[in-house]
């Protein structure tokens, strides 16, 4: 991906940002874009175009994929969560989160989902690759007090990951992950 800075036709040549690109190159890019008749919402003038953000893990979305993990995977549980892990044939790990309506209303379920995703995101470099992981929230997860809920979720997931032996030690992080 390349950084793109586009100068509008109204800018003076001394106002063009100094990014190593000559003013002629910037104006060439600007004229190229305007010659293609792109609409104003397609190109935001005078801005840096960021590359797309990549997810830390792929999601498990299909019911069939969830069932494969439930039936063929290892299972471990604690007070707040049940975790299933099943080795897949890919080098990519996938994450699925299941939260029943028994846990709470939509606000509570989404809060738990966000906390679980954040905990997994921060731990993604330490997880072994090539696993499908499904995390099922128990009713007790919805009853957690608001203060300190992330710490409880993180500690509960840490223990489940280590008990399922899919957590790599700190010293081996660079060798297991790209």
Protein backbone atom coordinates (compact mmCIF):
# COMPACT_ATOMS: atom_id res chain seq x y z
CA UNK A 1 0.00 0.00 0.00
CA UNK A 2 1.24 3.47 -0.88
CA UNK A 3 0.69 6.70 0.94
CA UNK A 4 -1.34 9.03 -1.25
CA UNK A 5 -1.47 12.76 -0.76
CA UNK A 6 -3.56 14.71 -3.20
CA UNK A 7 -3.31 18.45 -3.62
CA UNK A 8 -6.34 20.37 -4.76
CA UNK A 9 -6.14 22.68 -7.74
CA UNK A 10 -6.78 25.69 -5.47
CA UNK A 11 -3.63 25.10 -3.38
CA UNK A 12 -0.52 27.08 -4.13
CA UNK A 13 2.61 25.08 -4.85
CA UNK A 14 4.20 26.21 -1.56
CA UNK A 15 1.21 24.82 0.41
CA UNK A 16 1.70 21.26 -0.85
CA UNK A 17 2.90 19.05 2.03
CA UNK A 18 6.56 18.12 1.96
CA UNK A 19 6.44 14.35 1.88
CA UNK A 20 9.27 13.80 -0.57
CA UNK A 21 6.84 14.10 -3.50
CA UNK A 22 7.45 16.98 -5.88
CA UNK A 23 4.67 19.44 -6.50
CA UNK A 24 4.47 18.31 -10.12
CA UNK A 25 3.89 14.71 -9.05
CA UNK A 26 1.17 15.76 -6.61
CA UNK A 27 -0.56 17.83 -9.26
CA UNK A 28 -0.22 14.97 -11.77
CA UNK A 29 -1.96 12.63 -9.33
CA UNK A 30 -4.63 15.27 -8.74
CA UNK A 31 -5.23 15.74 -12.46
CA UNK A 32 -5.29 11.95 -12.98
CA UNK A 33 -8.00 11.58 -10.37
CA UNK A 34 -10.04 14.49 -11.71
CA UNK A 35 -9.73 13.16 -15.27
CA UNK A 36 -11.36 9.91 -14.13
CA UNK A 37 -14.32 12.01 -12.94
CA UNK A 38 -14.42 10.59 -9.44
CA UNK A 39 -17.03 12.06 -7.15
CA UNK A 40 -16.04 14.10 -4.12
CA UNK A 41 -16.99 11.33 -1.69
CA UNK A 42 -14.73 8.86 -3.50
CA UNK A 43 -11.60 10.98 -3.00
CA UNK A 44 -11.08 13.04 0.10
CA UNK A 45 -8.74 15.80 -1.00
CA UNK A 46 -5.69 16.81 1.05
CA UNK A 47 -5.63 13.68 3.14
CA UNK A 48 -3.59 10.57 3.84
CA UNK A 49 -5.30 7.36 2.74
CA UNK A 50 -4.70 4.70 5.37
CA UNK A 51 -4.44 1.03 4.42
CA UNK A 52 -7.30 -1.20 5.50
CA UNK A 53 -7.10 -2.48 9.06
CA UNK A 54 -6.57 -6.20 9.35
CA UNK A 55 -8.33 -8.26 11.96
CA UNK A 56 -6.20 -10.08 14.52
CA UNK A 57 -8.08 -13.37 13.97
CA UNK A 58 -10.70 -14.47 11.52
CA UNK A 59 -14.21 -15.06 12.81
CA UNK A 60 -16.13 -18.31 12.86
CA UNK A 61 -19.57 -17.48 11.45
CA UNK A 62 -21.12 -20.63 10.05
CA UNK A 63 -23.14 -23.00 12.24
CA UNK A 64 -21.37 -25.94 10.62
CA UNK A 65 -17.97 -24.57 11.70
CA UNK A 66 -19.21 -24.09 15.27
CA UNK A 67 -20.50 -27.67 15.35
CA UNK A 68 -17.17 -29.04 14.12
CA UNK A 69 -15.39 -27.29 16.98
CA UNK A 70 -18.00 -28.39 19.54
CA UNK A 71 -17.88 -32.04 18.48
CA UNK A 72 -14.20 -32.48 17.67
CA UNK A 73 -12.49 -30.02 19.94
CA UNK A 74 -11.07 -30.07 23.42
CA UNK A 75 -13.22 -28.44 26.07
CA UNK A 76 -12.34 -26.52 29.20
CA UNK A 77 -14.57 -24.47 31.51
CA UNK A 78 -14.49 -22.09 34.45
CA UNK A 79 -17.06 -19.98 36.27
CA UNK A 80 -17.52 -17.43 33.46
CA UNK A 81 -16.76 -19.21 30.18
CA UNK A 82 -16.57 -22.54 28.36
CA UNK A 83 -13.83 -22.72 25.73
CA UNK A 84 -13.58 -25.21 22.88
CA UNK A 85 -10.41 -25.50 20.79
CA UNK A 86 -9.97 -27.63 17.71
CA UNK A 87 -6.89 -27.77 15.47
CA UNK A 88 -7.62 -26.85 11.87
CA UNK A 89 -5.48 -27.51 8.82
CA UNK A 90 -4.71 -23.82 8.23
CA UNK A 91 -2.04 -21.61 9.74
CA UNK A 92 -4.79 -19.13 10.60
CA UNK A 93 -6.61 -19.20 13.91
CA UNK A 94 -10.30 -18.36 14.03
CA UNK A 95 -12.43 -17.12 16.93
CA UNK A 96 -16.12 -17.68 17.57
CA UNK A 97 -18.04 -16.17 20.48
CA UNK A 98 -21.43 -17.44 21.61
CA UNK A 99 -23.51 -15.56 24.15
CA UNK A 100 -27.03 -16.76 24.94
CA UNK A 101 -29.95 -14.45 25.70
CA UNK A 102 -29.97 -15.99 29.18
CA UNK A 103 -26.78 -14.04 29.91
CA UNK A 104 -28.53 -10.68 29.64
CA UNK A 105 -29.96 -8.11 27.29
CA UNK A 106 -28.19 -6.93 24.12
CA UNK A 107 -26.15 -4.30 25.96
CA UNK A 108 -24.74 -6.88 28.39
CA UNK A 109 -24.07 -9.44 25.63
CA UNK A 110 -22.26 -6.89 23.46
CA UNK A 111 -20.20 -5.71 26.42
CA UNK A 112 -19.07 -9.27 27.11
CA UNK A 113 -18.34 -9.80 23.40
CA UNK A 114 -16.20 -6.65 23.29
CA UNK A 115 -14.29 -7.66 26.43
CA UNK A 116 -13.63 -11.17 25.09
CA UNK A 117 -12.48 -9.85 21.71
CA UNK A 118 -10.16 -7.32 23.32
CA UNK A 119 -8.65 -9.92 25.61
CA UNK A 120 -8.07 -12.25 22.65
CA UNK A 121 -6.69 -9.42 20.53
CA UNK A 122 -4.09 -8.52 23.13
CA UNK A 123 -3.16 -12.16 23.51
CA UNK A 124 -3.20 -13.04 19.78
CA UNK A 125 0.59 -13.08 19.39
CA UNK A 126 0.90 -15.61 22.20
CA UNK A 127 -1.70 -18.03 20.81
CA UNK A 128 -0.65 -21.03 18.76
CA UNK A 129 -1.64 -20.77 15.14
CA UNK A 130 -4.00 -23.13 13.39
CA UNK A 131 -6.79 -23.41 15.96
CA UNK A 132 -10.51 -22.78 15.82
CA UNK A 133 -11.50 -21.37 19.20
CA UNK A 134 -15.09 -21.03 20.39
CA UNK A 135 -15.84 -19.18 23.62
CA UNK A 136 -19.27 -19.65 25.20
CA UNK A 137 -20.27 -17.16 27.89
CA UNK A 138 -22.05 -18.51 30.95
CA UNK A 139 -24.79 -16.66 32.84
CA UNK A 140 -22.27 -15.69 35.53
CA UNK A 141 -20.42 -13.58 32.94
CA UNK A 142 -23.48 -11.35 32.65
CA UNK A 143 -23.68 -10.95 36.43
CA UNK A 144 -20.16 -9.49 36.70
CA UNK A 145 -20.00 -6.09 38.35
CA UNK A 146 -19.06 -3.26 35.99
CA UNK A 147 -15.91 -2.25 37.86
CA UNK A 148 -13.02 -4.59 37.12
CA UNK A 149 -14.96 -6.71 34.65
CA UNK A 150 -12.16 -6.65 32.06
CA UNK A 151 -9.65 -7.96 34.59
CA UNK A 152 -11.98 -10.83 35.50
CA UNK A 153 -12.65 -11.71 31.85
CA UNK A 154 -8.95 -11.53 31.01
CA UNK A 155 -7.94 -13.71 33.96
CA UNK A 156 -10.66 -16.28 33.17
CA UNK A 157 -9.64 -16.50 29.50
CA UNK A 158 -5.94 -16.66 30.38
CA UNK A 159 -6.56 -19.70 32.57
CA UNK A 160 -8.64 -21.42 29.86
CA UNK A 161 -6.04 -20.79 27.16
CA UNK A 162 -3.26 -22.17 29.34
CA UNK A 163 -5.30 -25.21 30.42
CA UNK A 164 -6.03 -26.02 26.77
CA UNK A 165 -2.29 -25.61 26.03
CA UNK A 166 -2.78 -23.23 23.12
CA UNK A 167 -0.89 -20.39 24.78
CA UNK A 168 2.78 -20.01 23.85
CA UNK A 169 5.24 -18.84 26.50
CA UNK A 170 6.50 -15.23 26.30
CA UNK A 171 10.00 -16.28 25.15
CA UNK A 172 8.68 -18.18 22.10
CA UNK A 173 6.32 -15.48 20.82
CA UNK A 174 8.47 -14.46 17.89
CA UNK A 175 9.00 -18.02 16.66
CA UNK A 176 5.37 -19.17 16.64
CA UNK A 177 3.86 -16.15 14.92
CA UNK A 178 4.78 -14.50 11.60
